[in-house]
Amino acid sequence: MLKNTMISGPKCPSCGDKKMVTDQTTGELFCGKCGLVVTDKIAETGAEWRSFSNDESNRTRVGAGTSLTMHDMGLSTIIGAANKDSTGKPLSASVRSSIERLRTWDSRTQAHSSADRNLRQALNEMDKLKDKLALTDSVVEKAAYIYRKAMEKKLVRGRSIQGLVAACLYASCRNTETPRTLDDIAKGINIRRKDVARCYRLIFRELELKMPVVDPVKGVSRIASIAELSEKSKRKAIVILNQAKEIGMVAGKDPMGIAAAALYLACISTGETKSQKDISIASGVTEVTIRNRCAGLRKMLNE
């Protein structure tokens, strides 16, 4: 965009020339011939959007929406990243270094109490796990909500942030029916499965969470993708699981275990060669569990 725009319209009161120049940064209208400033307060008639991030291409009329995944919910004021003054001129080196220091302290003072700092660290951990486990925004938003509720109930004090973050994410995955196991989340955050399970039981009990029953069909595509199974086997496994659900056979069973067993039986019926070990590695379920679940499913199919 040009900084100065030449317009023809009103005459210059000094020399009578019609070539008036508008400076869009300072808001001045002056004569292009003699330089007389006619007015220094021009109303901006263009689009009113601007960039609220370092990415200049992302222009919006307002800032980012509020979100539970930010410790201040995105409502705090920050010092912008652009090193320019109010007239649009670049800052001098000394002023720029002062502004950098101010920016640093501004970000440090966003979290006043230890609870704020704890929340900030927890939400940063969630953000890292979001990318590692390929989770959606809605899952992380729900996890942040659960973590805030845990803070209100004072469940955070004396417990590891990582353990509670992992537990909140697992609870969120269960709630939104996202197929992620305890092992996936424990591996992603690099802590023991036992610690995640302990924290999950705590928040489940104290916050009185209501969890939907996990549908084993949700885990089929994930196991099939890791084990590199065909679409035909995958569809056959879904048919087997739907039959099992109709007679109430999946109730109380580990969803990943029964999904792995259905996939194994589907491979046998479609003639695809996959061992129990391959499916066991892909699903994270032992071969013994797959064999036990297969026995039940075979009995159902033979009836």
C-alpha atoms as a PDB file:
ATOM      1  CA  MET A   1       0.000   0.000   0.000  1.00  0.00           C
ATOM      2  CA  LEU A   2       1.342   3.470  -0.892  1.00  0.00           C
ATOM      3  CA  LYS A   3       2.142   5.779   1.971  1.00  0.00           C
ATOM      4  CA  ASN A   4       1.147   8.962   0.105  1.00  0.00           C
ATOM      5  CA  THR A   5      -1.871   9.190  -2.210  1.00  0.00           C
ATOM      6  CA  MET A   6      -2.318  11.924  -4.837  1.00  0.00           C
ATOM      7  CA  ILE A   7      -5.880  13.222  -5.162  1.00  0.00           C
ATOM      8  CA  SER A   8      -7.410  15.915  -7.322  1.00  0.00           C
ATOM      9  CA  GLY A   9     -10.282  17.896  -5.814  1.00  0.00           C
ATOM     10  CA  PRO A  10     -10.006  20.860  -3.458  1.00  0.00           C
ATOM     11  CA  LYS A  11      -7.614  23.631  -4.426  1.00  0.00           C
ATOM     12  CA  CYS A  12      -4.613  24.692  -2.370  1.00  0.00           C
ATOM     13  CA  PRO A  13      -5.536  27.954  -0.544  1.00  0.00           C
ATOM     14  CA  SER A  14      -1.968  29.236  -1.050  1.00  0.00           C
ATOM     15  CA  CYS A  15      -1.053  28.526  -4.696  1.00  0.00           C
ATOM     16  CA  GLY A  16      -4.407  27.372  -6.119  1.00  0.00           C
ATOM     17  CA  ASP A  17      -2.970  24.019  -7.368  1.00  0.00           C
ATOM     18  CA  LYS A  18      -5.356  21.040  -7.434  1.00  0.00           C
ATOM     19  CA  LYS A  19      -2.774  18.295  -6.771  1.00  0.00           C
ATOM     20  CA  MET A  20      -3.330  17.534  -3.085  1.00  0.00           C
ATOM     21  CA  VAL A  21      -1.387  14.740  -1.371  1.00  0.00           C
ATOM     22  CA  THR A  22      -2.731  12.587   1.488  1.00  0.00           C
ATOM     23  CA  ASP A  23      -0.227  11.077   3.961  1.00  0.00           C
ATOM     24  CA  GLN A  24      -2.053   8.008   5.269  1.00  0.00           C
ATOM     25  CA  THR A  25       0.327   7.455   8.177  1.00  0.00           C
ATOM     26  CA  THR A  26       0.127  10.919   9.765  1.00  0.00           C
ATOM     27  CA  GLY A  27      -3.356  11.816   8.462  1.00  0.00           C
ATOM     28  CA  GLU A  28      -2.218  15.044   6.779  1.00  0.00           C
ATOM     29  CA  LEU A  29      -3.542  16.620   3.564  1.00  0.00           C
ATOM     30  CA  PHE A  30      -1.009  18.925   1.909  1.00  0.00           C
ATOM     31  CA  CYS A  31      -0.358  20.605  -1.416  1.00  0.00           C
ATOM     32  CA  GLY A  32       1.842  18.633  -3.810  1.00  0.00           C
ATOM     33  CA  LYS A  33       3.301  21.837  -5.288  1.00  0.00           C
ATOM     34  CA  CYS A  34       4.012  24.288  -2.463  1.00  0.00           C
ATOM     35  CA  GLY A  35       3.825  21.835   0.509  1.00  0.00           C
ATOM     36  CA  LEU A  36       1.196  23.737   2.522  1.00  0.00           C
ATOM     37  CA  VAL A  37      -0.525  21.460   5.068  1.00  0.00           C
ATOM     38  CA  VAL A  38      -4.260  22.026   4.548  1.00  0.00           C
ATOM     39  CA  THR A  39      -5.404  19.762   7.406  1.00  0.00           C
ATOM     40  CA  ASP A  40      -3.697  17.321   9.772  1.00  0.00           C
ATOM     41  CA  LYS A  41      -6.817  15.356  10.796  1.00  0.00           C
ATOM     42  CA  ILE A  42      -8.234  13.253   7.963  1.00  0.00           C
ATOM     43  CA  ALA A  43     -10.851  10.597   8.750  1.00  0.00           C
ATOM     44  CA  GLU A  44      -9.728   7.111   7.675  1.00  0.00           C
ATOM     45  CA  THR A  45     -12.220   5.896   5.062  1.00  0.00           C
ATOM     46  CA  GLY A  46     -10.523   2.545   4.293  1.00  0.00           C
ATOM     47  CA  ALA A  47     -10.982  -0.850   5.930  1.00  0.00           C
ATOM     48  CA  GLU A  48     -10.529  -0.782   9.699  1.00  0.00           C
ATOM     49  CA  TRP A  49      -8.901  -4.178  10.174  1.00  0.00           C
ATOM     50  CA  ARG A  50      -5.333  -4.656  11.324  1.00  0.00           C
ATOM     51  CA  SER A  51      -3.028  -7.467  12.348  1.00  0.00           C
ATOM     52  CA  PHE A  52      -3.056  -8.562  15.988  1.00  0.00           C
ATOM     53  CA  SER A  53      -0.152 -10.981  15.550  1.00  0.00           C
ATOM     54  CA  ASN A  54       3.333 -11.082  14.061  1.00  0.00           C
ATOM     55  CA  ASP A  55       1.807 -12.521  10.898  1.00  0.00           C
ATOM     56  CA  GLU A  56       0.845  -9.441   8.886  1.00  0.00           C
ATOM     57  CA  SER A  57      -1.258 -11.469   6.442  1.00  0.00           C
ATOM     58  CA  ASN A  58      -3.712 -12.451   9.208  1.00  0.00           C
ATOM     59  CA  ARG A  59      -5.790  -9.267   9.444  1.00  0.00           C
ATOM     60  CA  THR A  60      -8.941  -9.019  11.518  1.00  0.00           C
ATOM     61  CA  ARG A  61     -11.209  -6.282  12.846  1.00  0.00           C
ATOM     62  CA  VAL A  62     -10.813  -7.496  16.415  1.00  0.00           C
ATOM     63  CA  GLY A  63      -8.225  -9.381  18.478  1.00  0.00           C
ATOM     64  CA  ALA A  64      -8.237 -13.129  19.127  1.00  0.00           C
ATOM     65  CA  GLY A  65     -11.339 -14.606  20.758  1.00  0.00           C
ATOM     66  CA  THR A  66     -11.377 -15.540  24.432  1.00  0.00           C
ATOM     67  CA  SER A  67     -10.206 -19.068  25.183  1.00  0.00           C
ATOM     68  CA  LEU A  68      -9.861 -21.235  28.297  1.00  0.00           C
ATOM     69  CA  THR A  69      -6.547 -22.512  26.901  1.00  0.00           C
ATOM     70  CA  MET A  70      -4.875 -19.171  27.766  1.00  0.00           C
ATOM     71  CA  HIS A  71      -4.150 -18.487  31.421  1.00  0.00           C
ATOM     72  CA  ASP A  72      -5.732 -15.002  31.191  1.00  0.00           C
ATOM     73  CA  MET A  73      -8.445 -16.243  28.774  1.00  0.00           C
ATOM     74  CA  GLY A  74      -6.927 -13.939  26.144  1.00  0.00           C
ATOM     75  CA  LEU A  75      -8.256 -10.793  27.857  1.00  0.00           C
ATOM     76  CA  SER A  76      -5.015  -9.190  29.046  1.00  0.00           C
ATOM     77  CA  THR A  77      -3.352  -6.259  27.275  1.00  0.00           C
ATOM     78  CA  ILE A  78       0.108  -6.815  25.828  1.00  0.00           C
ATOM     79  CA  ILE A  79       2.759  -4.540  24.322  1.00  0.00           C
ATOM     80  CA  GLY A  80       2.670  -5.104  20.554  1.00  0.00           C
ATOM     81  CA  ALA A  81       5.588  -6.580  18.608  1.00  0.00           C
ATOM     82  CA  ALA A  82       5.843  -3.717  16.070  1.00  0.00           C
ATOM     83  CA  ASN A  83       8.795  -1.409  16.863  1.00  0.00           C
ATOM     84  CA  LYS A  84       7.071   1.767  15.645  1.00  0.00           C
ATOM     85  CA  ASP A  85       5.766   4.890  17.387  1.00  0.00           C
ATOM     86  CA  SER A  86       2.257   6.374  17.073  1.00  0.00           C
ATOM     87  CA  THR A  87       3.147   8.177  13.826  1.00  0.00           C
ATOM     88  CA  GLY A  88       4.456   4.969  12.240  1.00  0.00           C
ATOM     89  CA  LYS A  89       8.130   5.903  12.441  1.00  0.00           C
ATOM     90  CA  PRO A  90      10.615   3.206  13.538  1.00  0.00           C
ATOM     91  CA  LEU A  91      11.964   3.472  17.086  1.00  0.00           C
ATOM     92  CA  SER A  92      15.569   4.412  17.774  1.00  0.00           C
ATOM     93  CA  ALA A  93      17.964   1.713  19.042  1.00  0.00           C
ATOM     94  CA  SER A  94      17.919   2.938  22.678  1.00  0.00           C
ATOM     95  CA  VAL A  95      14.111   3.190  22.824  1.00  0.00           C
ATOM     96  CA  ARG A  96      13.780  -0.218  21.140  1.00  0.00           C
ATOM     97  CA  SER A  97      15.920  -1.904  23.816  1.00  0.00           C
ATOM     98  CA  SER A  98      13.808  -0.220  26.544  1.00  0.00           C
ATOM     99  CA  ILE A  99      10.599  -1.442  24.906  1.00  0.00           C
ATOM    100  CA  GLU A 100      12.036  -4.977  24.686  1.00  0.00           C
ATOM    101  CA  ARG A 101      12.727  -4.908  28.435  1.00  0.00           C
ATOM    102  CA  LEU A 102       9.214  -3.603  29.064  1.00  0.00           C
ATOM    103  CA  ARG A 103       7.768  -6.402  26.927  1.00  0.00           C
ATOM    104  CA  THR A 104       9.717  -8.997  28.951  1.00  0.00           C
ATOM    105  CA  TRP A 105       8.504  -7.615  32.280  1.00  0.00           C
ATOM    106  CA  ASP A 106       4.979  -7.220  30.931  1.00  0.00           C
ATOM    107  CA  SER A 107       4.856 -10.939  30.070  1.00  0.00           C
ATOM    108  CA  ARG A 108       6.400 -11.856  33.453  1.00  0.00           C
ATOM    109  CA  THR A 109       3.877  -9.818  35.436  1.00  0.00           C
ATOM    110  CA  GLN A 110       0.886 -11.394  33.657  1.00  0.00           C
ATOM    111  CA  ALA A 111       0.978 -14.198  36.271  1.00  0.00           C
ATOM    112  CA  HIS A 112       0.851 -12.585  39.734  1.00  0.00           C
ATOM    113  CA  SER A 113       0.202 -15.443  42.171  1.00  0.00           C
ATOM    114  CA  SER A 114       1.616 -18.951  42.316  1.00  0.00           C
ATOM    115  CA  ALA A 115      -1.779 -20.268  41.155  1.00  0.00           C
ATOM    116  CA  ASP A 116      -1.528 -18.118  38.003  1.00  0.00           C
ATOM    117  CA  ARG A 117       1.999 -19.378  37.337  1.00  0.00           C
ATOM    118  CA  ASN A 118       0.845 -22.961  37.888  1.00  0.00           C
ATOM    119  CA  LEU A 119      -2.030 -22.495  35.430  1.00  0.00           C
ATOM    120  CA  ARG A 120       0.267 -20.882  32.871  1.00  0.00           C
ATOM    121  CA  GLN A 121       2.717 -23.805  33.053  1.00  0.00           C
ATOM    122  CA  ALA A 122      -0.103 -26.379  32.864  1.00  0.00           C
ATOM    123  CA  LEU A 123      -1.647 -24.762  29.791  1.00  0.00           C
ATOM    124  CA  ASN A 124       1.771 -24.630  28.112  1.00  0.00           C
ATOM    125  CA  GLU A 125       2.133 -28.388  28.724  1.00  0.00           C
ATOM    126  CA  MET A 126      -1.319 -28.942  27.209  1.00  0.00           C
ATOM    127  CA  ASP A 127      -0.330 -26.955  24.141  1.00  0.00           C
ATOM    128  CA  LYS A 128       2.772 -29.141  23.645  1.00  0.00           C
ATOM    129  CA  LEU A 129       0.739 -32.350  24.041  1.00  0.00           C
ATOM    130  CA  LYS A 130      -1.860 -31.084  21.571  1.00  0.00           C
ATOM    131  CA  ASP A 131       0.725 -31.251  18.776  1.00  0.00           C
ATOM    132  CA  LYS A 132       2.307 -34.509  19.985  1.00  0.00           C
ATOM    133  CA  LEU A 133      -0.980 -36.426  20.190  1.00  0.00           C
ATOM    134  CA  ALA A 134      -2.705 -34.631  17.262  1.00  0.00           C
ATOM    135  CA  LEU A 135      -5.611 -33.439  19.424  1.00  0.00           C
ATOM    136  CA  THR A 136      -8.271 -30.978  18.298  1.00  0.00           C
ATOM    137  CA  ASP A 137      -8.833 -27.513  19.806  1.00  0.00           C
ATOM    138  CA  SER A 138     -12.103 -28.624  21.407  1.00  0.00           C
ATOM    139  CA  VAL A 139     -10.340 -31.445  23.306  1.00  0.00           C
ATOM    140  CA  VAL A 140      -7.680 -29.084  24.699  1.00  0.00           C
ATOM    141  CA  GLU A 141     -10.353 -26.483  25.555  1.00  0.00           C
ATOM    142  CA  LYS A 142     -12.284 -29.115  27.521  1.00  0.00           C
ATOM    143  CA  ALA A 143      -9.059 -30.262  29.266  1.00  0.00           C
ATOM    144  CA  ALA A 144      -8.291 -26.638  30.247  1.00  0.00           C
ATOM    145  CA  TYR A 145     -11.820 -26.328  31.678  1.00  0.00           C
ATOM    146  CA  ILE A 146     -11.352 -29.512  33.759  1.00  0.00           C
ATOM    147  CA  TYR A 147      -7.944 -28.278  35.011  1.00  0.00           C
ATOM    148  CA  ARG A 148      -9.460 -24.934  36.091  1.00  0.00           C
ATOM    149  CA  LYS A 149     -12.187 -26.828  37.966  1.00  0.00           C
ATOM    150  CA  ALA A 150      -9.493 -28.941  39.671  1.00  0.00           C
ATOM    151  CA  MET A 151      -7.740 -25.714  40.733  1.00  0.00           C
ATOM    152  CA  GLU A 152     -10.978 -24.366  42.192  1.00  0.00           C
ATOM    153  CA  LYS A 153     -11.330 -27.587  44.237  1.00  0.00           C
ATOM    154  CA  LYS A 154      -7.661 -27.221  45.355  1.00  0.00           C
ATOM    155  CA  LEU A 155      -6.677 -30.592  43.869  1.00  0.00           C
ATOM    156  CA  VAL A 156      -3.490 -29.180  42.309  1.00  0.00           C
ATOM    157  CA  ARG A 157      -1.588 -28.416  45.504  1.00  0.00           C
ATOM    158  CA  GLY A 158       1.093 -31.017  46.288  1.00  0.00           C
ATOM    159  CA  ARG A 159       0.624 -32.891  43.002  1.00  0.00           C
ATOM    160  CA  SER A 160       2.688 -32.847  39.846  1.00  0.00           C
ATOM    161  CA  ILE A 161       1.471 -30.478  37.131  1.00  0.00           C
ATOM    162  CA  GLN A 162       2.323 -33.003  34.414  1.00  0.00           C
ATOM    163  CA  GLY A 163       0.293 -35.769  36.057  1.00  0.00           C
ATOM    164  CA  LEU A 164      -2.805 -33.575  36.394  1.00  0.00           C
ATOM    165  CA  VAL A 165      -2.429 -32.171  32.873  1.00  0.00           C
ATOM    166  CA  ALA A 166      -2.233 -35.723  31.477  1.00  0.00           C
ATOM    167  CA  ALA A 167      -5.258 -36.777  33.561  1.00  0.00           C
ATOM    168  CA  CYS A 168      -7.304 -33.752  32.368  1.00  0.00           C
ATOM    169  CA  LEU A 169      -6.409 -34.483  28.752  1.00  0.00           C
ATOM    170  CA  TYR A 170      -7.363 -38.146  29.151  1.00  0.00           C
ATOM    171  CA  ALA A 171     -10.673 -37.138  30.769  1.00  0.00           C
ATOM    172  CA  SER A 172     -11.281 -34.718  27.905  1.00  0.00           C
ATOM    173  CA  CYS A 173     -10.519 -37.427  25.311  1.00  0.00           C
ATOM    174  CA  ARG A 174     -12.949 -39.794  27.069  1.00  0.00           C
ATOM    175  CA  ASN A 175     -15.600 -37.073  27.227  1.00  0.00           C
ATOM    176  CA  THR A 176     -15.283 -36.116  23.545  1.00  0.00           C
ATOM    177  CA  GLU A 177     -14.886 -39.774  22.455  1.00  0.00           C
ATOM    178  CA  THR A 178     -11.425 -39.157  21.014  1.00  0.00           C
ATOM    179  CA  PRO A 179      -9.603 -42.517  20.792  1.00  0.00           C
ATOM    180  CA  ARG A 180      -6.514 -41.933  22.970  1.00  0.00           C
ATOM    181  CA  THR A 181      -5.408 -44.459  25.591  1.00  0.00           C
ATOM    182  CA  LEU A 182      -3.754 -43.838  28.961  1.00  0.00           C
ATOM    183  CA  ASP A 183      -0.533 -45.248  27.506  1.00  0.00           C
ATOM    184  CA  ASP A 184      -0.610 -42.761  24.593  1.00  0.00           C
ATOM    185  CA  ILE A 185      -0.956 -39.798  26.928  1.00  0.00           C
ATOM    186  CA  ALA A 186       1.597 -41.103  29.463  1.00  0.00           C
ATOM    187  CA  LYS A 187       4.105 -41.667  26.649  1.00  0.00           C
ATOM    188  CA  GLY A 188       3.395 -38.220  25.175  1.00  0.00           C
ATOM    189  CA  ILE A 189       4.060 -36.367  28.444  1.00  0.00           C
ATOM    190  CA  ASN A 190       6.821 -38.809  29.478  1.00  0.00           C
ATOM    191  CA  ILE A 191       5.529 -39.921  32.877  1.00  0.00           C
ATOM    192  CA  ARG A 192       4.425 -43.316  34.228  1.00  0.00           C
ATOM    193  CA  ARG A 193       1.007 -44.660  33.271  1.00  0.00           C
ATOM    194  CA  LYS A 194       0.332 -45.375  36.958  1.00  0.00           C
ATOM    195  CA  ASP A 195       0.715 -41.649  37.854  1.00  0.00           C
ATOM    196  CA  VAL A 196      -1.696 -40.563  35.094  1.00  0.00           C
ATOM    197  CA  ALA A 197      -4.241 -43.205  36.205  1.00  0.00           C
ATOM    198  CA  ARG A 198      -3.981 -42.082  39.848  1.00  0.00           C
ATOM    199  CA  CYS A 199      -4.573 -38.411  38.946  1.00  0.00           C
ATOM    200  CA  TYR A 200      -7.431 -39.376  36.610  1.00  0.00           C
ATOM    201  CA  ARG A 201      -9.186 -41.347  39.358  1.00  0.00           C
ATOM    202  CA  LEU A 202      -8.788 -38.348  41.683  1.00  0.00           C
ATOM    203  CA  ILE A 203     -10.340 -35.776  39.319  1.00  0.00           C
ATOM    204  CA  PHE A 204     -13.021 -38.259  38.224  1.00  0.00           C
ATOM    205  CA  ARG A 205     -14.048 -38.780  41.858  1.00  0.00           C
ATOM    206  CA  GLU A 206     -13.683 -35.200  43.164  1.00  0.00           C
ATOM    207  CA  LEU A 207     -15.178 -33.372  40.158  1.00  0.00           C
ATOM    208  CA  GLU A 208     -17.909 -36.024  39.729  1.00  0.00           C
ATOM    209  CA  LEU A 209     -17.287 -36.309  35.990  1.00  0.00           C
ATOM    210  CA  LYS A 210     -19.788 -38.196  33.855  1.00  0.00           C
ATOM    211  CA  MET A 211     -18.023 -40.199  31.143  1.00  0.00           C
ATOM    212  CA  PRO A 212     -19.750 -41.772  28.137  1.00  0.00           C
ATOM    213  CA  VAL A 213     -19.147 -45.469  27.450  1.00  0.00           C
ATOM    214  CA  VAL A 214     -16.249 -45.782  24.991  1.00  0.00           C
ATOM    215  CA  ASP A 215     -17.320 -47.091  21.591  1.00  0.00           C
ATOM    216  CA  PRO A 216     -14.811 -49.756  20.374  1.00  0.00           C
ATOM    217  CA  VAL A 217     -15.638 -48.820  16.736  1.00  0.00           C
ATOM    218  CA  LYS A 218     -13.786 -45.515  17.329  1.00  0.00           C
ATOM    219  CA  GLY A 219     -10.519 -47.404  17.847  1.00  0.00           C
ATOM    220  CA  VAL A 220     -10.783 -49.579  14.712  1.00  0.00           C
ATOM    221  CA  SER A 221      -9.493 -47.044  12.172  1.00  0.00           C
ATOM    222  CA  ARG A 222      -6.581 -46.118  14.458  1.00  0.00           C
ATOM    223  CA  ILE A 223      -5.392 -49.722  14.918  1.00  0.00           C
ATOM    224  CA  ALA A 224      -5.960 -50.498  11.225  1.00  0.00           C
ATOM    225  CA  SER A 225      -3.915 -47.455  10.220  1.00  0.00           C
ATOM    226  CA  ILE A 226      -0.939 -48.399  12.433  1.00  0.00           C
ATOM    227  CA  ALA A 227      -1.094 -52.086  11.406  1.00  0.00           C
ATOM    228  CA  GLU A 228      -1.516 -51.090   7.709  1.00  0.00           C
ATOM    229  CA  LEU A 229      -4.698 -53.095   7.202  1.00  0.00           C
ATOM    230  CA  SER A 230      -6.970 -52.827   4.158  1.00  0.00           C
ATOM    231  CA  GLU A 231     -10.249 -50.916   4.078  1.00  0.00           C
ATOM    232  CA  LYS A 232     -12.081 -54.209   3.496  1.00  0.00           C
ATOM    233  CA  SER A 233     -10.813 -55.669   6.801  1.00  0.00           C
ATOM    234  CA  LYS A 234     -11.637 -52.442   8.603  1.00  0.00           C
ATOM    235  CA  ARG A 235     -15.246 -52.454   7.385  1.00  0.00           C
ATOM    236  CA  LYS A 236     -15.648 -56.136   8.254  1.00  0.00           C
ATOM    237  CA  ALA A 237     -14.365 -55.427  11.792  1.00  0.00           C
ATOM    238  CA  ILE A 238     -16.939 -52.620  12.199  1.00  0.00           C
ATOM    239  CA  VAL A 239     -19.717 -55.023  11.128  1.00  0.00           C
ATOM    240  CA  ILE A 240     -18.515 -57.597  13.731  1.00  0.00           C
ATOM    241  CA  LEU A 241     -18.407 -54.931  16.475  1.00  0.00           C
ATOM    242  CA  ASN A 242     -21.898 -53.642  15.631  1.00  0.00           C
ATOM    243  CA  GLN A 243     -23.213 -57.225  15.950  1.00  0.00           C
ATOM    244  CA  ALA A 244     -21.420 -57.572  19.312  1.00  0.00           C
ATOM    245  CA  LYS A 245     -22.935 -54.268  20.520  1.00  0.00           C
ATOM    246  CA  GLU A 246     -26.452 -55.393  19.617  1.00  0.00           C
ATOM    247  CA  ILE A 247     -26.233 -58.416  21.904  1.00  0.00           C
ATOM    248  CA  GLY A 248     -24.481 -56.400  24.668  1.00  0.00           C
ATOM    249  CA  MET A 249     -21.186 -58.236  24.438  1.00  0.00           C
ATOM    250  CA  VAL A 250     -18.926 -55.152  24.505  1.00  0.00           C
ATOM    251  CA  ALA A 251     -20.204 -53.868  27.887  1.00  0.00           C
ATOM    252  CA  GLY A 252     -17.472 -53.906  30.525  1.00  0.00           C
ATOM    253  CA  LYS A 253     -14.748 -54.958  28.069  1.00  0.00           C
ATOM    254  CA  ASP A 254     -11.645 -52.929  27.184  1.00  0.00           C
ATOM    255  CA  PRO A 255     -12.648 -51.121  23.946  1.00  0.00           C
ATOM    256  CA  MET A 256      -9.167 -51.375  22.394  1.00  0.00           C
ATOM    257  CA  GLY A 257      -8.996 -55.091  23.202  1.00  0.00           C
ATOM    258  CA  ILE A 258     -12.324 -55.918  21.580  1.00  0.00           C
ATOM    259  CA  ALA A 259     -11.545 -53.656  18.573  1.00  0.00           C
ATOM    260  CA  ALA A 260      -8.202 -55.466  18.092  1.00  0.00           C
ATOM    261  CA  ALA A 261      -9.928 -58.874  18.301  1.00  0.00           C
ATOM    262  CA  ALA A 262     -12.573 -57.824  15.754  1.00  0.00           C
ATOM    263  CA  LEU A 263      -9.832 -56.647  13.386  1.00  0.00           C
ATOM    264  CA  TYR A 264      -7.967 -59.947  13.762  1.00  0.00           C
ATOM    265  CA  LEU A 265     -11.116 -61.940  12.932  1.00  0.00           C
ATOM    266  CA  ALA A 266     -11.828 -59.582  10.015  1.00  0.00           C
ATOM    267  CA  CYS A 267      -8.325 -60.251   8.641  1.00  0.00           C
ATOM    268  CA  ILE A 268      -8.945 -64.010   8.798  1.00  0.00           C
ATOM    269  CA  SER A 269     -12.295 -63.711   6.989  1.00  0.00           C
ATOM    270  CA  THR A 270     -10.890 -61.413   4.238  1.00  0.00           C
ATOM    271  CA  GLY A 271      -7.767 -63.544   3.774  1.00  0.00           C
ATOM    272  CA  GLU A 272      -5.372 -60.799   4.875  1.00  0.00           C
ATOM    273  CA  THR A 273      -2.264 -62.127   6.596  1.00  0.00           C
ATOM    274  CA  LYS A 274      -1.688 -60.343   9.896  1.00  0.00           C
ATOM    275  CA  SER A 275      -0.465 -62.063  13.030  1.00  0.00           C
ATOM    276  CA  GLN A 276      -1.853 -61.492  16.512  1.00  0.00           C
ATOM    277  CA  LYS A 277       1.496 -59.947  17.399  1.00  0.00           C
ATOM    278  CA  ASP A 278       1.178 -57.279  14.666  1.00  0.00           C
ATOM    279  CA  ILE A 279      -2.266 -56.264  15.867  1.00  0.00           C
ATOM    280  CA  SER A 280      -1.115 -56.451  19.495  1.00  0.00           C
ATOM    281  CA  ILE A 281       1.705 -53.949  18.798  1.00  0.00           C
ATOM    282  CA  ALA A 282      -0.633 -51.635  16.836  1.00  0.00           C
ATOM    283  CA  SER A 283      -3.327 -51.617  19.531  1.00  0.00           C
ATOM    284  CA  GLY A 284      -1.174 -51.743  22.682  1.00  0.00           C
ATOM    285  CA  VAL A 285      -3.156 -54.783  23.902  1.00  0.00           C
ATOM    286  CA  THR A 286      -1.537 -58.127  24.801  1.00  0.00           C
ATOM    287  CA  GLU A 287      -1.915 -61.163  22.543  1.00  0.00           C
ATOM    288  CA  VAL A 288      -3.604 -63.060  25.406  1.00  0.00           C
ATOM    289  CA  THR A 289      -6.366 -60.407  25.575  1.00  0.00           C
ATOM    290  CA  ILE A 290      -6.854 -60.587  21.795  1.00  0.00           C
ATOM    291  CA  ARG A 291      -7.185 -64.400  21.964  1.00  0.00           C
ATOM    292  CA  ASN A 292      -9.699 -64.197  24.838  1.00  0.00           C
ATOM    293  CA  ARG A 293     -11.830 -61.580  23.062  1.00  0.00           C
ATOM    294  CA  CYS A 294     -11.601 -63.569  19.793  1.00  0.00           C
ATOM    295  CA  ALA A 295     -13.051 -66.621  21.537  1.00  0.00           C
ATOM    296  CA  GLY A 296     -16.123 -64.638  22.605  1.00  0.00           C
ATOM    297  CA  LEU A 297     -16.567 -63.013  19.191  1.00  0.00           C
ATOM    298  CA  ARG A 298     -16.180 -66.347  17.356  1.00  0.00           C
ATOM    299  CA  LYS A 299     -18.899 -67.889  19.540  1.00  0.00           C
ATOM    300  CA  MET A 300     -21.175 -64.952  18.674  1.00  0.00           C
ATOM    301  CA  LEU A 301     -20.487 -65.281  14.924  1.00  0.00           C
ATOM    302  CA  ASN A 302     -21.095 -69.054  14.920  1.00  0.00           C
ATOM    303  CA  GLU A 303     -24.501 -68.735  16.601  1.00  0.00           C
END
